[in-house]
Amino acid sequence: MIKSLVRTTLRIDNNLKTRIELLAIKNNFSFNKMITYLIELGYNSYIEKFDKYYEEQNKKIKKDRDMNE
């Protein structure tokens, strides 16, 4: 989990809030821990996509450089 937290306000509709509450109950988490967990999941998947994108870009640059030599 995140080591240092920042206090913030999050606006969500009641439908989403209810779904998160149900997930929290199902997984035996508090609502706040469930929100933190979901944010971390989203962040980790974003970083994976970001890394893959730059790996592809680096491969293209290397390929272009090799073709120009």
PDB file of N, CA and C in Angstrom:
ATOM      1  N   MET A   1       0.832  -1.186   0.000  1.00  0.00           N
ATOM      2  CA  MET A   1       0.000   0.000   0.000  1.00  0.00           C
ATOM      3  C   MET A   1       0.881   1.256   0.000  1.00  0.00           C
ATOM      4  N   ILE A   2       0.246   2.385  -0.198  1.00  0.00           N
ATOM      5  CA  ILE A   2       0.941   3.663  -0.238  1.00  0.00           C
ATOM      6  C   ILE A   2       1.470   4.000   1.152  1.00  0.00           C
ATOM      7  N   LYS A   3       2.719   4.470   1.218  1.00  0.00           N
ATOM      8  CA  LYS A   3       3.333   4.757   2.510  1.00  0.00           C
ATOM      9  C   LYS A   3       2.903   6.103   3.074  1.00  0.00           C
ATOM     10  N   SER A   4       2.833   7.136   2.266  1.00  0.00           N
ATOM     11  CA  SER A   4       2.386   8.439   2.758  1.00  0.00           C
ATOM     12  C   SER A   4       1.164   8.864   1.958  1.00  0.00           C
ATOM     13  N   LEU A   5       0.152   9.292   2.664  1.00  0.00           N
ATOM     14  CA  LEU A   5      -1.108   9.641   2.026  1.00  0.00           C
ATOM     15  C   LEU A   5      -1.319  11.145   2.022  1.00  0.00           C
ATOM     16  N   VAL A   6      -2.093  11.618   1.077  1.00  0.00           N
ATOM     17  CA  VAL A   6      -2.453  13.018   0.971  1.00  0.00           C
ATOM     18  C   VAL A   6      -3.961  13.114   1.099  1.00  0.00           C
ATOM     19  N   ARG A   7      -4.416  14.042   1.920  1.00  0.00           N
ATOM     20  CA  ARG A   7      -5.855  14.228   2.088  1.00  0.00           C
ATOM     21  C   ARG A   7      -6.413  14.929   0.852  1.00  0.00           C
ATOM     22  N   THR A   8      -7.493  14.400   0.328  1.00  0.00           N
ATOM     23  CA  THR A   8      -8.113  14.988  -0.852  1.00  0.00           C
ATOM     24  C   THR A   8      -9.609  14.747  -0.814  1.00  0.00           C
ATOM     25  N   THR A   9     -10.324  15.414  -1.681  1.00  0.00           N
ATOM     26  CA  THR A   9     -11.764  15.234  -1.804  1.00  0.00           C
ATOM     27  C   THR A   9     -12.047  14.566  -3.139  1.00  0.00           C
ATOM     28  N   LEU A  10     -12.905  13.579  -3.107  1.00  0.00           N
ATOM     29  CA  LEU A  10     -13.248  12.841  -4.314  1.00  0.00           C
ATOM     30  C   LEU A  10     -14.757  12.902  -4.502  1.00  0.00           C
ATOM     31  N   ARG A  11     -15.194  13.394  -5.633  1.00  0.00           N
ATOM     32  CA  ARG A  11     -16.629  13.455  -5.918  1.00  0.00           C
ATOM     33  C   ARG A  11     -17.013  12.255  -6.775  1.00  0.00           C
ATOM     34  N   ILE A  12     -17.890  11.409  -6.238  1.00  0.00           N
ATOM     35  CA  ILE A  12     -18.377  10.256  -6.988  1.00  0.00           C
ATOM     36  C   ILE A  12     -19.887  10.181  -6.825  1.00  0.00           C
ATOM     37  N   ASP A  13     -20.544   9.611  -7.807  1.00  0.00           N
ATOM     38  CA  ASP A  13     -21.999   9.489  -7.705  1.00  0.00           C
ATOM     39  C   ASP A  13     -22.362   8.327  -6.777  1.00  0.00           C
ATOM     40  N   ASN A  14     -23.622   8.280  -6.384  1.00  0.00           N
ATOM     41  CA  ASN A  14     -24.071   7.272  -5.419  1.00  0.00           C
ATOM     42  C   ASN A  14     -23.939   5.854  -5.953  1.00  0.00           C
ATOM     43  N   ASN A  15     -24.147   5.675  -7.259  1.00  0.00           N
ATOM     44  CA  ASN A  15     -24.039   4.345  -7.850  1.00  0.00           C
ATOM     45  C   ASN A  15     -22.617   3.802  -7.702  1.00  0.00           C
ATOM     46  N   LEU A  16     -21.638   4.623  -8.041  1.00  0.00           N
ATOM     47  CA  LEU A  16     -20.244   4.204  -7.919  1.00  0.00           C
ATOM     48  C   LEU A  16     -19.868   3.997  -6.457  1.00  0.00           C
ATOM     49  N   LYS A  17     -20.343   4.874  -5.592  1.00  0.00           N
ATOM     50  CA  LYS A  17     -20.058   4.740  -4.157  1.00  0.00           C
ATOM     51  C   LYS A  17     -20.598   3.413  -3.628  1.00  0.00           C
ATOM     52  N   THR A  18     -21.813   3.069  -4.027  1.00  0.00           N
ATOM     53  CA  THR A  18     -22.416   1.811  -3.586  1.00  0.00           C
ATOM     54  C   THR A  18     -21.613   0.619  -4.088  1.00  0.00           C
ATOM     55  N   ARG A  19     -21.179   0.669  -5.342  1.00  0.00           N
ATOM     56  CA  ARG A  19     -20.397  -0.435  -5.900  1.00  0.00           C
ATOM     57  C   ARG A  19     -19.071  -0.602  -5.167  1.00  0.00           C
ATOM     58  N   ILE A  20     -18.430   0.516  -4.832  1.00  0.00           N
ATOM     59  CA  ILE A  20     -17.168   0.449  -4.092  1.00  0.00           C
ATOM     60  C   ILE A  20     -17.408  -0.086  -2.684  1.00  0.00           C
ATOM     61  N   GLU A  21     -18.498   0.348  -2.050  1.00  0.00           N
ATOM     62  CA  GLU A  21     -18.832  -0.154  -0.711  1.00  0.00           C
ATOM     63  C   GLU A  21     -19.056  -1.659  -0.732  1.00  0.00           C
ATOM     64  N   LEU A  22     -19.762  -2.146  -1.752  1.00  0.00           N
ATOM     65  CA  LEU A  22     -20.006  -3.586  -1.854  1.00  0.00           C
ATOM     66  C   LEU A  22     -18.711  -4.362  -2.084  1.00  0.00           C
ATOM     67  N   LEU A  23     -17.831  -3.820  -2.925  1.00  0.00           N
ATOM     68  CA  LEU A  23     -16.525  -4.449  -3.132  1.00  0.00           C
ATOM     69  C   LEU A  23     -15.726  -4.484  -1.834  1.00  0.00           C
ATOM     70  N   ALA A  24     -15.798  -3.392  -1.080  1.00  0.00           N
ATOM     71  CA  ALA A  24     -15.066  -3.322   0.187  1.00  0.00           C
ATOM     72  C   ALA A  24     -15.581  -4.366   1.165  1.00  0.00           C
ATOM     73  N   ILE A  25     -16.890  -4.508   1.246  1.00  0.00           N
ATOM     74  CA  ILE A  25     -17.484  -5.506   2.141  1.00  0.00           C
ATOM     75  C   ILE A  25     -17.070  -6.907   1.707  1.00  0.00           C
ATOM     76  N   LYS A  26     -17.150  -7.157   0.399  1.00  0.00           N
ATOM     77  CA  LYS A  26     -16.800  -8.478  -0.129  1.00  0.00           C
ATOM     78  C   LYS A  26     -15.350  -8.841   0.182  1.00  0.00           C
ATOM     79  N   ASN A  27     -14.449  -7.857   0.108  1.00  0.00           N
ATOM     80  CA  ASN A  27     -13.021  -8.108   0.320  1.00  0.00           C
ATOM     81  C   ASN A  27     -12.558  -7.798   1.740  1.00  0.00           C
ATOM     82  N   ASN A  28     -13.510  -7.488   2.616  1.00  0.00           N
ATOM     83  CA  ASN A  28     -13.213  -7.206   4.019  1.00  0.00           C
ATOM     84  C   ASN A  28     -12.249  -6.024   4.168  1.00  0.00           C
ATOM     85  N   PHE A  29     -12.471  -4.965   3.383  1.00  0.00           N
ATOM     86  CA  PHE A  29     -11.698  -3.726   3.451  1.00  0.00           C
ATOM     87  C   PHE A  29     -12.608  -2.624   3.958  1.00  0.00           C
ATOM     88  N   SER A  30     -12.000  -1.567   4.464  1.00  0.00           N
ATOM     89  CA  SER A  30     -12.780  -0.363   4.734  1.00  0.00           C
ATOM     90  C   SER A  30     -12.995   0.342   3.390  1.00  0.00           C
ATOM     91  N   PHE A  31     -13.933   1.266   3.365  1.00  0.00           N
ATOM     92  CA  PHE A  31     -14.212   2.009   2.135  1.00  0.00           C
ATOM     93  C   PHE A  31     -12.952   2.744   1.672  1.00  0.00           C
ATOM     94  N   ASN A  32     -12.260   3.409   2.603  1.00  0.00           N
ATOM     95  CA  ASN A  32     -11.058   4.169   2.239  1.00  0.00           C
ATOM     96  C   ASN A  32      -9.949   3.268   1.713  1.00  0.00           C
ATOM     97  N   LYS A  33      -9.759   2.109   2.322  1.00  0.00           N
ATOM     98  CA  LYS A  33      -8.726   1.184   1.836  1.00  0.00           C
ATOM     99  C   LYS A  33      -9.084   0.660   0.451  1.00  0.00           C
ATOM    100  N   MET A  34     -10.374   0.453   0.211  1.00  0.00           N
ATOM    101  CA  MET A  34     -10.806  -0.023  -1.106  1.00  0.00           C
ATOM    102  C   MET A  34     -10.536   1.038  -2.162  1.00  0.00           C
ATOM    103  N   ILE A  35     -10.829   2.305  -1.851  1.00  0.00           N
ATOM    104  CA  ILE A  35     -10.540   3.405  -2.789  1.00  0.00           C
ATOM    105  C   ILE A  35      -9.039   3.442  -3.086  1.00  0.00           C
ATOM    106  N   THR A  36      -8.221   3.362  -2.043  1.00  0.00           N
ATOM    107  CA  THR A  36      -6.766   3.383  -2.218  1.00  0.00           C
ATOM    108  C   THR A  36      -6.310   2.219  -3.085  1.00  0.00           C
ATOM    109  N   TYR A  37      -6.861   1.045  -2.840  1.00  0.00           N
ATOM    110  CA  TYR A  37      -6.508  -0.147  -3.609  1.00  0.00           C
ATOM    111  C   TYR A  37      -6.871   0.033  -5.085  1.00  0.00           C
ATOM    112  N   LEU A  38      -8.059   0.541  -5.360  1.00  0.00           N
ATOM    113  CA  LEU A  38      -8.487   0.750  -6.747  1.00  0.00           C
ATOM    114  C   LEU A  38      -7.613   1.785  -7.450  1.00  0.00           C
ATOM    115  N   ILE A  39      -7.242   2.833  -6.731  1.00  0.00           N
ATOM    116  CA  ILE A  39      -6.361   3.849  -7.314  1.00  0.00           C
ATOM    117  C   ILE A  39      -5.005   3.239  -7.646  1.00  0.00           C
ATOM    118  N   GLU A  40      -4.476   2.424  -6.737  1.00  0.00           N
ATOM    119  CA  GLU A  40      -3.187   1.779  -6.998  1.00  0.00           C
ATOM    120  C   GLU A  40      -3.262   0.839  -8.192  1.00  0.00           C
ATOM    121  N   LEU A  41      -4.360   0.102  -8.319  1.00  0.00           N
ATOM    122  CA  LEU A  41      -4.517  -0.785  -9.479  1.00  0.00           C
ATOM    123  C   LEU A  41      -4.501   0.014 -10.771  1.00  0.00           C
ATOM    124  N   GLY A  42      -5.240   1.109 -10.785  1.00  0.00           N
ATOM    125  CA  GLY A  42      -5.275   1.962 -11.970  1.00  0.00           C
ATOM    126  C   GLY A  42      -3.916   2.555 -12.280  1.00  0.00           C
ATOM    127  N   TYR A  43      -3.216   2.996 -11.250  1.00  0.00           N
ATOM    128  CA  TYR A  43      -1.896   3.586 -11.433  1.00  0.00           C
ATOM    129  C   TYR A  43      -0.917   2.554 -11.985  1.00  0.00           C
ATOM    130  N   ASN A  44      -0.943   1.361 -11.423  1.00  0.00           N
ATOM    131  CA  ASN A  44      -0.023   0.311 -11.886  1.00  0.00           C
ATOM    132  C   ASN A  44      -0.289  -0.068 -13.333  1.00  0.00           C
ATOM    133  N   SER A  45      -1.560  -0.161 -13.734  1.00  0.00           N
ATOM    134  CA  SER A  45      -1.850  -0.502 -15.130  1.00  0.00           C
ATOM    135  C   SER A  45      -1.443   0.644 -16.054  1.00  0.00           C
ATOM    136  N   TYR A  46      -1.585   1.894 -15.586  1.00  0.00           N
ATOM    137  CA  TYR A  46      -1.151   3.046 -16.376  1.00  0.00           C
ATOM    138  C   TYR A  46       0.360   2.993 -16.592  1.00  0.00           C
ATOM    139  N   ILE A  47       1.102   2.706 -15.534  1.00  0.00           N
ATOM    140  CA  ILE A  47       2.562   2.640 -15.636  1.00  0.00           C
ATOM    141  C   ILE A  47       2.987   1.522 -16.580  1.00  0.00           C
ATOM    142  N   GLU A  48       2.308   0.378 -16.525  1.00  0.00           N
ATOM    143  CA  GLU A  48       2.635  -0.721 -17.439  1.00  0.00           C
ATOM    144  C   GLU A  48       2.425  -0.296 -18.888  1.00  0.00           C
ATOM    145  N   LYS A  49       1.303   0.366 -19.183  1.00  0.00           N
ATOM    146  CA  LYS A  49       1.036   0.835 -20.545  1.00  0.00           C
ATOM    147  C   LYS A  49       2.060   1.877 -20.963  1.00  0.00           C
ATOM    148  N   PHE A  50       2.409   2.774 -20.051  1.00  0.00           N
ATOM    149  CA  PHE A  50       3.392   3.812 -20.305  1.00  0.00           C
ATOM    150  C   PHE A  50       4.737   3.186 -20.654  1.00  0.00           C
ATOM    151  N   ASP A  51       5.166   2.188 -19.873  1.00  0.00           N
ATOM    152  CA  ASP A  51       6.438   1.502 -20.128  1.00  0.00           C
ATOM    153  C   ASP A  51       6.426   0.783 -21.470  1.00  0.00           C
ATOM    154  N   LYS A  52       5.324   0.097 -21.790  1.00  0.00           N
ATOM    155  CA  LYS A  52       5.226  -0.607 -23.069  1.00  0.00           C
ATOM    156  C   LYS A  52       5.303   0.368 -24.236  1.00  0.00           C
ATOM    157  N   TYR A  53       4.629   1.513 -24.107  1.00  0.00           N
ATOM    158  CA  TYR A  53       4.646   2.514 -25.169  1.00  0.00           C
ATOM    159  C   TYR A  53       6.078   2.983 -25.424  1.00  0.00           C
ATOM    160  N   TYR A  54       6.803   3.302 -24.375  1.00  0.00           N
ATOM    161  CA  TYR A  54       8.164   3.794 -24.563  1.00  0.00           C
ATOM    162  C   TYR A  54       9.124   2.710 -25.008  1.00  0.00           C
ATOM    163  N   GLU A  55       8.865   1.471 -24.645  1.00  0.00           N
ATOM    164  CA  GLU A  55       9.672   0.375 -25.188  1.00  0.00           C
ATOM    165  C   GLU A  55       9.488   0.300 -26.696  1.00  0.00           C
ATOM    166  N   GLU A  56       8.233   0.407 -27.154  1.00  0.00           N
ATOM    167  CA  GLU A  56       7.948   0.379 -28.593  1.00  0.00           C
ATOM    168  C   GLU A  56       8.616   1.558 -29.296  1.00  0.00           C
ATOM    169  N   GLN A  57       8.538   2.744 -28.690  1.00  0.00           N
ATOM    170  CA  GLN A  57       9.151   3.925 -29.297  1.00  0.00           C
ATOM    171  C   GLN A  57      10.665   3.759 -29.392  1.00  0.00           C
ATOM    172  N   ASN A  58      11.272   3.213 -28.353  1.00  0.00           N
ATOM    173  CA  ASN A  58      12.721   2.994 -28.377  1.00  0.00           C
ATOM    174  C   ASN A  58      13.110   1.981 -29.446  1.00  0.00           C
ATOM    175  N   LYS A  59      12.294   0.941 -29.638  1.00  0.00           N
ATOM    176  CA  LYS A  59      12.563  -0.043 -30.687  1.00  0.00           C
ATOM    177  C   LYS A  59      12.489   0.614 -32.062  1.00  0.00           C
ATOM    178  N   LYS A  60      11.477   1.478 -32.273  1.00  0.00           N
ATOM    179  CA  LYS A  60      11.338   2.168 -33.560  1.00  0.00           C
ATOM    180  C   LYS A  60      12.528   3.080 -33.819  1.00  0.00           C
ATOM    181  N   ILE A  61      12.956   3.807 -32.797  1.00  0.00           N
ATOM    182  CA  ILE A  61      14.096   4.713 -32.951  1.00  0.00           C
ATOM    183  C   ILE A  61      15.356   3.922 -33.284  1.00  0.00           C
ATOM    184  N   LYS A  62      15.567   2.831 -32.585  1.00  0.00           N
ATOM    185  CA  LYS A  62      16.749   1.998 -32.833  1.00  0.00           C
ATOM    186  C   LYS A  62      16.703   1.412 -34.240  1.00  0.00           C
ATOM    187  N   LYS A  63      15.520   0.961 -34.659  1.00  0.00           N
ATOM    188  CA  LYS A  63      15.363   0.390 -35.996  1.00  0.00           C
ATOM    189  C   LYS A  63      15.645   1.446 -37.061  1.00  0.00           C
ATOM    190  N   ASP A  64      15.111   2.659 -36.881  1.00  0.00           N
ATOM    191  CA  ASP A  64      15.356   3.745 -37.834  1.00  0.00           C
ATOM    192  C   ASP A  64      16.834   4.125 -37.872  1.00  0.00           C
ATOM    193  N   ARG A  65      17.463   4.154 -36.719  1.00  0.00           N
ATOM    194  CA  ARG A  65      18.882   4.491 -36.640  1.00  0.00           C
ATOM    195  C   ARG A  65      19.715   3.442 -37.369  1.00  0.00           C
ATOM    196  N   ASP A  66      19.367   2.167 -37.183  1.00  0.00           N
ATOM    197  CA  ASP A  66      20.097   1.086 -37.852  1.00  0.00           C
ATOM    198  C   ASP A  66      19.911   1.142 -39.364  1.00  0.00           C
ATOM    199  N   MET A  67      18.715   1.531 -39.810  1.00  0.00           N
ATOM    200  CA  MET A  67      18.459   1.609 -41.255  1.00  0.00           C
ATOM    201  C   MET A  67      19.209   2.781 -41.881  1.00  0.00           C
ATOM    202  N   ASN A  68      19.407   3.856 -41.128  1.00  0.00           N
ATOM    203  CA  ASN A  68      20.088   5.040 -41.659  1.00  0.00           C
ATOM    204  C   ASN A  68      21.604   4.883 -41.698  1.00  0.00           C
ATOM    205  N   GLU A  69      22.135   3.906 -40.999  1.00  0.00           N
ATOM    206  CA  GLU A  69      23.595   3.728 -40.988  1.00  0.00           C
ATOM    207  C   GLU A  69      24.101   2.993 -42.188  1.00  0.00           C
TER     208      GLU A  69
END
